[in-house]
N, C-alpha and C. Protein backbone atom coordinates (compact mmCIF):
# COMPACT_ATOMS: atom_id res chain seq x y z
N MET A 1 112.92 100.27 81.03
CA MET A 1 114.32 101.20 80.01
C MET A 1 113.91 101.65 78.77
N ALA A 2 113.05 100.68 77.56
CA ALA A 2 112.87 100.95 76.47
C ALA A 2 111.84 101.71 76.32
N TRP A 3 111.02 102.27 77.63
CA TRP A 3 109.93 103.41 77.08
C TRP A 3 110.15 104.18 78.35
N ARG A 4 110.97 104.64 79.24
CA ARG A 4 111.21 105.86 79.80
C ARG A 4 113.02 106.02 79.87
N GLY A 5 113.42 105.27 79.30
CA GLY A 5 114.96 105.57 79.23
C GLY A 5 115.71 104.85 80.45
N LYS A 6 116.83 104.72 80.51
CA LYS A 6 117.23 104.31 81.72
C LYS A 6 117.66 104.99 82.55
N PRO A 7 117.62 105.04 83.88
CA PRO A 7 117.77 105.45 85.01
C PRO A 7 120.20 105.78 85.66
N VAL A 8 120.26 106.53 85.66
CA VAL A 8 121.35 106.83 86.15
C VAL A 8 121.49 106.10 87.67
N THR A 9 120.59 106.32 88.41
CA THR A 9 120.43 106.05 89.67
C THR A 9 119.55 105.43 90.56
N ILE A 10 119.36 104.03 91.53
CA ILE A 10 117.81 104.08 91.46
C ILE A 10 118.26 103.79 93.00
N ARG A 11 117.10 104.16 94.05
CA ARG A 11 117.33 104.79 95.23
C ARG A 11 116.57 103.68 96.34
N CYS A 12 117.01 103.12 97.29
CA CYS A 12 116.28 101.96 97.60
C CYS A 12 116.47 101.33 98.96
N ASP A 13 115.47 101.11 100.05
CA ASP A 13 116.04 100.57 101.30
C ASP A 13 116.79 99.23 101.15
N ASN A 14 117.30 98.63 102.25
CA ASN A 14 118.02 97.75 102.48
C ASN A 14 117.64 96.25 102.50
N GLY A 15 116.23 96.00 102.16
CA GLY A 15 115.03 94.94 101.96
C GLY A 15 116.17 93.72 101.17
N PRO A 16 115.87 93.02 101.35
CA PRO A 16 116.44 91.79 100.78
C PRO A 16 116.79 91.33 99.35
N GLU A 17 115.01 92.44 98.45
CA GLU A 17 115.17 92.05 96.81
C GLU A 17 116.03 92.94 96.77
N TYR A 18 116.39 94.05 97.41
CA TYR A 18 117.22 95.23 96.86
C TYR A 18 118.77 95.25 97.21
N ILE A 19 119.27 94.28 98.17
CA ILE A 19 120.79 93.22 98.35
C ILE A 19 121.27 92.72 97.84
N SER A 20 120.09 91.67 96.91
CA SER A 20 120.72 90.91 96.26
C SER A 20 122.12 90.83 95.26
N GLN A 21 122.65 90.37 94.94
CA GLN A 21 123.41 89.83 94.12
C GLN A 21 123.31 90.08 92.86
N LEU A 22 122.12 89.86 92.57
CA LEU A 22 121.37 89.41 91.16
C LEU A 22 120.96 91.11 90.61
N LEU A 23 120.40 91.65 91.65
CA LEU A 23 120.07 93.21 91.69
C LEU A 23 121.67 94.24 91.55
N ILE A 24 122.21 93.61 91.82
CA ILE A 24 123.90 94.13 92.05
C ILE A 24 123.94 94.14 90.53
N ASP A 25 124.48 92.63 90.02
CA ASP A 25 124.98 92.23 89.01
C ASP A 25 124.34 92.92 87.99
N TRP A 26 122.95 93.12 87.66
CA TRP A 26 121.92 93.48 86.99
C TRP A 26 122.70 95.07 86.46
N ALA A 27 122.47 95.99 87.71
CA ALA A 27 122.62 97.33 87.43
C ALA A 27 124.50 97.35 87.04
N LYS A 28 124.84 96.88 87.47
CA LYS A 28 126.48 96.93 86.85
C LYS A 28 126.20 96.82 85.51
N ARG A 29 125.68 95.85 84.95
CA ARG A 29 125.81 95.52 83.31
C ARG A 29 124.79 96.52 83.04
N HIS A 30 124.30 97.53 83.48
CA HIS A 30 123.48 98.15 82.71
C HIS A 30 124.04 99.78 83.47
N ARG A 31 124.86 99.91 84.16
CA ARG A 31 125.86 100.71 84.25
C ARG A 31 124.75 101.66 85.06
N ILE A 32 123.91 101.38 86.08
CA ILE A 32 123.20 101.97 87.10
C ILE A 32 123.75 101.86 88.48
N THR A 33 123.70 102.62 89.33
CA THR A 33 124.26 103.27 90.55
C THR A 33 122.94 102.44 91.51
N ILE A 34 123.28 101.91 92.33
CA ILE A 34 122.34 101.33 93.28
C ILE A 34 122.69 102.48 94.35
N THR A 35 121.88 102.89 95.28
CA THR A 35 121.73 104.15 96.47
C THR A 35 120.99 103.76 97.29
N TYR A 36 121.68 102.92 98.55
CA TYR A 36 120.82 102.44 99.71
C TYR A 36 120.55 103.91 100.67
N ILE A 37 119.66 103.53 101.21
CA ILE A 37 118.99 104.78 102.17
C ILE A 37 119.77 103.64 103.56
N GLN A 38 120.08 104.99 104.55
CA GLN A 38 120.35 104.40 105.84
C GLN A 38 119.36 103.42 106.27
N PRO A 39 119.70 102.48 106.65
CA PRO A 39 118.64 101.35 107.52
C PRO A 39 118.10 102.20 109.06
N GLY A 40 116.66 102.13 108.93
CA GLY A 40 115.60 102.58 110.26
C GLY A 40 115.66 104.24 109.34
N LYS A 41 115.66 104.55 108.05
CA LYS A 41 115.36 106.23 107.94
C LYS A 41 114.65 106.10 106.95
N PRO A 42 113.27 105.60 106.75
CA PRO A 42 112.47 105.57 105.93
C PRO A 42 112.31 106.88 104.88
N GLN A 43 112.16 107.61 105.59
CA GLN A 43 112.13 109.43 105.56
C GLN A 43 112.84 109.37 104.64
N GLN A 44 114.56 109.00 104.16
CA GLN A 44 114.98 109.38 103.29
C GLN A 44 114.36 108.76 101.73
N ASN A 45 113.44 107.59 101.89
CA ASN A 45 113.06 107.69 100.61
C ASN A 45 111.31 107.84 100.72
N ALA A 46 111.05 108.71 101.49
CA ALA A 46 110.18 109.09 101.90
C ALA A 46 108.56 109.10 100.33
N TYR A 47 109.07 109.44 98.65
CA TYR A 47 108.16 109.53 98.05
C TYR A 47 107.53 107.91 98.11
N VAL A 48 108.53 107.22 97.68
CA VAL A 48 108.08 105.63 97.68
C VAL A 48 107.36 105.13 98.70
N GLU A 49 107.72 105.75 100.03
CA GLU A 49 107.09 104.77 101.48
C GLU A 49 105.70 105.05 101.30
N ARG A 50 105.81 106.26 101.26
CA ARG A 50 104.07 106.83 101.08
C ARG A 50 103.57 106.53 99.80
N TYR A 51 104.22 105.98 98.46
CA TYR A 51 102.86 105.38 97.83
C TYR A 51 103.11 103.91 97.95
N ASN A 52 103.89 103.49 98.65
CA ASN A 52 103.70 101.86 98.93
C ASN A 52 102.53 101.79 100.17
N ARG A 53 102.51 102.77 101.08
CA ARG A 53 101.66 102.97 101.88
C ARG A 53 100.26 103.18 101.75
N THR A 54 100.33 104.07 100.41
CA THR A 54 98.62 103.83 99.45
C THR A 54 98.37 102.83 98.60
N VAL A 55 99.27 101.75 98.26
CA VAL A 55 98.87 100.71 97.54
C VAL A 55 98.38 99.74 98.58
N ARG A 56 99.05 99.44 99.58
CA ARG A 56 98.80 98.86 100.74
C ARG A 56 97.58 98.99 101.13
N TYR A 57 97.08 100.29 101.65
CA TYR A 57 96.08 100.00 102.26
C TYR A 57 94.74 100.50 101.35
N ASP A 58 94.91 100.87 99.94
CA ASP A 58 93.87 101.22 99.06
C ASP A 58 93.40 99.87 98.81
N TRP A 59 94.51 98.98 98.27
CA TRP A 59 93.78 97.71 97.42
C TRP A 59 94.82 96.45 98.08
N LEU A 60 96.08 96.63 98.34
CA LEU A 60 96.44 95.28 98.20
C LEU A 60 96.18 94.60 100.36
N ASN A 61 95.55 95.01 100.62
CA ASN A 61 95.22 94.33 102.26
C ASN A 61 93.65 94.12 102.12
N GLN A 62 93.01 94.56 101.49
CA GLN A 62 91.62 94.33 101.08
C GLN A 62 91.03 93.50 99.73
N HIS A 63 92.36 92.34 99.36
CA HIS A 63 92.02 91.93 98.01
C HIS A 63 92.96 90.44 98.53
N LEU A 64 92.11 89.37 98.16
CA LEU A 64 92.66 87.65 98.07
C LEU A 64 93.31 87.70 96.63
N PHE A 65 94.13 87.17 96.11
CA PHE A 65 94.40 87.09 94.67
C PHE A 65 94.84 85.54 94.44
N ASP A 66 94.67 85.04 93.25
CA ASP A 66 94.68 83.56 93.35
C ASP A 66 95.58 83.35 92.38
N SER A 67 96.61 84.66 92.08
CA SER A 67 97.72 84.36 91.25
C SER A 67 98.46 85.86 90.86
N ILE A 68 99.76 85.78 90.50
CA ILE A 68 100.49 86.97 90.19
C ILE A 68 99.83 87.19 89.21
N THR A 69 99.22 86.88 88.27
CA THR A 69 98.78 87.54 87.08
C THR A 69 97.12 88.10 87.43
N ASP A 70 96.36 87.63 88.11
CA ASP A 70 95.62 88.55 89.08
C ASP A 70 96.14 90.10 89.77
N VAL A 71 97.16 89.50 90.43
CA VAL A 71 97.55 90.85 91.17
C VAL A 71 97.89 92.29 90.31
N GLN A 72 98.80 91.53 88.91
CA GLN A 72 99.89 92.00 88.02
C GLN A 72 98.53 93.05 86.87
N ASP A 73 96.98 92.31 86.82
CA ASP A 73 96.01 93.04 86.24
C ASP A 73 95.11 93.78 86.89
N PHE A 74 94.97 93.73 88.36
CA PHE A 74 94.19 94.62 89.55
C PHE A 74 95.32 95.92 89.55
N ALA A 75 96.37 95.44 89.70
CA ALA A 75 97.81 96.57 89.65
C ALA A 75 97.56 97.72 88.71
N THR A 76 97.55 97.08 87.34
CA THR A 76 97.46 97.89 86.44
C THR A 76 96.59 98.84 86.08
N ARG A 77 95.15 98.22 86.28
CA ARG A 77 93.74 98.70 86.52
C ARG A 77 93.59 100.06 87.56
N TRP A 78 94.66 99.65 88.88
CA TRP A 78 94.61 100.47 89.80
C TRP A 78 95.49 101.66 89.91
N LEU A 79 96.70 101.23 88.85
CA LEU A 79 97.96 102.63 88.72
C LEU A 79 96.82 103.45 87.60
N TRP A 80 96.10 103.00 87.06
CA TRP A 80 95.62 104.08 85.86
C TRP A 80 94.13 105.03 86.43
N THR A 81 93.73 104.21 87.38
CA THR A 81 92.61 105.34 88.11
C THR A 81 93.63 105.94 88.95
N TYR A 82 94.48 105.40 89.71
CA TYR A 82 95.65 106.51 90.40
C TYR A 82 95.73 107.66 89.71
N ASN A 83 96.55 107.55 88.88
CA ASN A 83 96.83 108.45 88.09
C ASN A 83 95.71 109.24 87.09
N HIS A 84 94.80 108.84 86.72
CA HIS A 84 93.90 109.85 85.86
C HIS A 84 92.73 110.02 86.24
N GLU A 85 92.25 109.56 87.52
CA GLU A 85 90.86 109.94 88.52
C GLU A 85 91.51 109.99 89.49
N ARG A 86 92.24 110.11 90.44
CA ARG A 86 92.04 109.73 92.02
C ARG A 86 92.71 111.51 92.38
N PRO A 87 92.37 112.13 92.83
CA PRO A 87 93.05 113.67 93.22
C PRO A 87 94.08 113.30 94.30
N ASN A 88 95.13 113.66 94.08
CA ASN A 88 96.15 114.02 95.36
C ASN A 88 96.49 115.12 95.68
N MET A 89 95.84 114.99 97.46
CA MET A 89 96.24 116.22 97.76
C MET A 89 97.93 116.57 97.47
N GLY A 90 98.30 116.09 97.63
CA GLY A 90 100.15 116.39 97.82
C GLY A 90 100.59 117.35 96.29
N LEU A 91 99.38 116.94 95.61
CA LEU A 91 99.50 118.04 94.28
C LEU A 91 98.77 119.21 93.70
N GLY A 92 97.82 119.14 95.51
CA GLY A 92 97.21 119.87 94.87
C GLY A 92 95.41 119.98 94.82
N GLY A 93 95.53 118.61 94.78
CA GLY A 93 93.92 118.33 95.10
C GLY A 93 93.82 117.84 93.28
N ILE A 94 94.66 117.61 92.42
CA ILE A 94 94.70 117.19 90.77
C ILE A 94 95.43 115.91 90.39
N THR A 95 95.16 115.69 89.78
CA THR A 95 95.57 113.89 89.96
C THR A 95 96.93 113.98 88.97
N PRO A 96 97.54 113.11 89.29
CA PRO A 96 99.34 112.97 88.78
C PRO A 96 99.22 113.14 87.24
N ILE A 97 98.33 112.75 86.38
CA ILE A 97 98.02 113.27 85.12
C ILE A 97 97.94 114.39 84.56
N GLN A 98 97.03 115.33 85.73
CA GLN A 98 96.86 116.74 85.33
C GLN A 98 98.08 117.23 85.87
N LYS A 99 98.79 116.96 86.90
CA LYS A 99 99.88 117.61 87.07
C LYS A 99 100.83 117.89 86.23
N SER A 100 101.09 116.42 85.45
CA SER A 100 102.22 116.17 84.33
C SER A 100 101.59 117.28 83.29
N ALA A 101 100.33 117.56 82.95
CA ALA A 101 100.21 118.00 81.51
C ALA A 101 100.88 119.65 82.06
N LEU A 102 100.54 119.77 83.27
CA LEU A 102 100.94 121.62 83.65
C LEU A 102 102.38 121.63 83.44
N VAL A 103 103.00 120.71 84.19
CA VAL A 103 104.67 120.85 84.09
C VAL A 103 105.22 121.15 82.62
N ALA A 104 104.22 120.07 81.39
CA ALA A 104 105.09 119.69 79.95
C ALA A 104 104.97 121.39 79.33
């Protein structure tokens, strides 16, 4: 939140990590609304579902990690590549960073 600012709303599915009282309490403390999609309707959260599929197929299913730190390091490197080097067909064959520069 310090880097990007506080969201007004977080939209998520009904997984156990998102319906926990801990998350609900955190959101209330920060005055953030949690909006849940309808159960069994992943298309209501299509962008996130598509990104999750990309992560799973591009690297998560292909590597065994020894620690959470290894996963975090790999994810950080992969995310940089995803945003700076990997063309995205949904953006017309350009990278997210190129799209961001066009919008700015």
